[in-house]
Amino acid sequence: MTPLYAQEHDYSKYNVLAVDDIPLNLLLVQKMLSRFNFTMRTAANGQQALDAIAEKKPDLILLDLMMPGIDGFEVLRRVRENPETADIRVVILSALNSNEDVVKGYNMGADEFIMKPIIMEKLLTCVVTQMQIVEAKNK
């Protein structure tokens, strides 16, 4: 059986925002997702993420939790409470992986939670699933 993410699909019209304070993590996520031809943007902290979201609403946010200043939980809270951005798909990518953190993430409105270190197949399958949800909503 061919993995879901191996199917050819053009996602170039979709805008993905990756948020992480560690440049190597952003590079890794960009590399993993490069086959999808997303319009990829990155933010190095919570404030940059909020600014990027306000500038151009993404279809999907890949969100780290542990960042200086405004952390991922606060970014998620602000995204969900704003009617303009409440429907954005949000996937948390985090090394915070206690049951409490995972439950908190989902309770705050995360659509998916992927623990670091990121397993490429899990990320690809998750992102494709989220994009299919976005496409279904746009029809």
Protein backbone atom coordinates (compact mmCIF):
# COMPACT_ATOMS: atom_id res chain seq x y z
CA MET A 1 0.00 0.00 0.00
CA THR A 2 1.34 3.42 -0.97
CA PRO A 3 1.56 5.87 1.93
CA LEU A 4 -0.96 8.69 1.77
CA TYR A 5 1.76 11.33 1.43
CA ALA A 6 3.43 9.55 -1.51
CA GLN A 7 0.51 10.27 -3.78
CA GLU A 8 1.23 13.10 -6.19
CA HIS A 9 -0.70 16.18 -5.20
CA ASP A 10 -0.11 19.85 -5.78
CA TYR A 11 -0.43 21.84 -2.59
CA SER A 12 1.32 24.95 -3.97
CA LYS A 13 -1.77 27.09 -3.41
CA TYR A 14 -1.58 26.41 0.33
CA ASN A 15 0.26 28.53 2.82
CA VAL A 16 1.99 26.82 5.75
CA LEU A 17 3.54 28.69 8.67
CA ALA A 18 6.19 26.83 10.68
CA VAL A 19 6.97 28.35 14.08
CA ASP A 20 10.03 27.34 16.09
CA ASP A 21 12.76 29.26 17.90
CA ILE A 22 15.42 26.76 16.75
CA PRO A 23 16.48 27.48 13.14
CA LEU A 24 17.55 23.88 12.56
CA ASN A 25 14.05 22.64 13.43
CA LEU A 26 12.53 25.05 10.90
CA LEU A 27 14.99 23.89 8.26
CA LEU A 28 14.18 20.26 9.01
CA VAL A 29 10.42 20.81 8.71
CA GLN A 30 10.87 22.77 5.47
CA LYS A 31 13.02 19.98 4.04
CA MET A 32 10.56 17.26 5.10
CA LEU A 33 7.65 19.12 3.49
CA SER A 34 9.48 20.35 0.38
CA ARG A 35 7.89 17.67 -1.86
CA PHE A 36 4.47 19.30 -1.38
CA ASN A 37 5.48 22.68 -2.84
CA PHE A 38 3.65 24.59 -0.12
CA THR A 39 4.19 28.27 0.20
CA MET A 40 6.26 27.91 3.38
CA ARG A 41 6.84 30.72 5.79
CA THR A 42 8.67 30.57 9.09
CA ALA A 43 8.61 32.45 12.35
CA ALA A 44 11.27 32.26 15.05
CA ASN A 45 9.02 33.13 17.99
CA GLY A 46 5.43 33.70 19.05
CA GLN A 47 5.34 37.39 18.18
CA GLN A 48 6.71 36.77 14.69
CA ALA A 49 4.10 34.04 14.28
CA LEU A 50 1.24 36.36 15.26
CA ASP A 51 2.60 39.06 12.91
CA ALA A 52 2.88 36.54 10.04
CA ILE A 53 -0.68 35.29 10.68
CA ALA A 54 -2.00 38.87 10.66
CA GLU A 55 -0.09 39.63 7.44
CA LYS A 56 -1.37 36.58 5.52
CA LYS A 57 -3.62 33.96 7.04
CA PRO A 58 -2.01 30.51 6.69
CA ASP A 59 -3.92 27.33 5.90
CA LEU A 60 -1.85 25.40 8.42
CA ILE A 61 0.36 26.34 11.37
CA LEU A 62 3.08 23.97 12.60
CA LEU A 63 3.61 25.29 16.10
CA ASP A 64 6.38 24.72 18.63
CA LEU A 65 5.34 25.26 22.26
CA MET A 66 8.57 26.17 24.05
CA MET A 67 9.66 29.58 22.81
CA PRO A 68 10.93 32.70 24.55
CA GLY A 69 8.40 35.49 25.05
CA ILE A 70 5.04 34.43 23.66
CA ASP A 71 4.98 30.63 23.80
CA GLY A 72 3.07 28.26 21.53
CA PHE A 73 0.17 27.83 23.93
CA GLU A 74 -0.38 31.61 23.93
CA VAL A 75 -0.14 31.75 20.11
CA LEU A 76 -2.73 28.95 19.91
CA ARG A 77 -5.00 30.73 22.39
CA ARG A 78 -4.88 33.97 20.37
CA VAL A 79 -5.44 32.17 17.07
CA ARG A 80 -8.49 30.33 18.43
CA GLU A 81 -10.09 33.34 20.11
CA ASN A 82 -9.87 35.54 17.00
CA PRO A 83 -12.86 34.90 14.69
CA GLU A 84 -10.66 35.75 11.67
CA THR A 85 -8.16 32.98 12.47
CA ALA A 86 -10.14 30.50 14.60
CA ASP A 87 -10.53 28.05 11.70
CA ILE A 88 -6.80 27.74 10.88
CA ARG A 89 -5.55 24.15 11.21
CA VAL A 90 -2.88 23.98 13.95
CA VAL A 91 -0.47 21.10 14.49
CA ILE A 92 1.74 21.30 17.56
CA LEU A 93 5.30 20.02 17.09
CA SER A 94 6.86 19.89 20.52
CA ALA A 95 9.37 18.25 22.81
CA LEU A 96 6.86 18.91 25.61
CA ASN A 97 5.25 15.51 25.65
CA SER A 98 3.76 14.89 29.06
CA ASN A 99 0.13 13.82 29.06
CA GLU A 100 -0.73 17.18 30.63
CA ASP A 101 0.92 19.11 27.77
CA VAL A 102 -0.73 16.99 25.09
CA VAL A 103 -4.17 17.27 26.73
CA LYS A 104 -3.69 21.02 27.23
CA GLY A 105 -2.77 21.40 23.55
CA TYR A 106 -5.88 19.57 22.38
CA ASN A 107 -8.09 21.36 24.92
CA MET A 108 -6.81 24.71 23.65
CA GLY A 109 -7.80 23.76 20.12
CA ALA A 110 -4.83 22.03 18.49
CA ASP A 111 -5.89 19.79 15.62
CA GLU A 112 -2.95 17.41 16.08
CA PHE A 113 0.04 16.99 18.39
CA ILE A 114 3.34 15.56 17.13
CA MET A 115 6.12 14.93 19.62
CA LYS A 116 9.74 15.74 18.85
CA PRO A 117 11.96 14.31 17.57
CA ILE A 118 9.75 14.47 14.50
CA ILE A 119 9.29 11.25 12.56
CA MET A 120 9.06 12.26 8.91
CA GLU A 121 6.33 9.80 7.95
CA LYS A 122 4.15 10.93 10.85
CA LEU A 123 4.59 14.60 9.92
CA LEU A 124 3.88 13.98 6.22
CA THR A 125 0.77 11.90 6.91
CA CYS A 126 -0.48 14.46 9.43
CA VAL A 127 0.08 17.41 7.10
CA VAL A 128 -1.64 15.66 4.17
CA THR A 129 -4.61 14.85 6.42
CA GLN A 130 -4.83 18.49 7.54
CA MET A 131 -4.61 19.70 3.92
CA GLN A 132 -7.42 17.33 2.92
CA ILE A 133 -9.56 18.85 5.66
CA VAL A 134 -8.72 22.35 4.38
CA GLU A 135 -9.57 21.32 0.80
CA ALA A 136 -12.88 19.79 1.90
CA LYS A 137 -13.79 23.00 3.75
CA ASN A 138 -12.93 25.10 0.68
CA LYS A 139 -15.26 23.16 -1.65
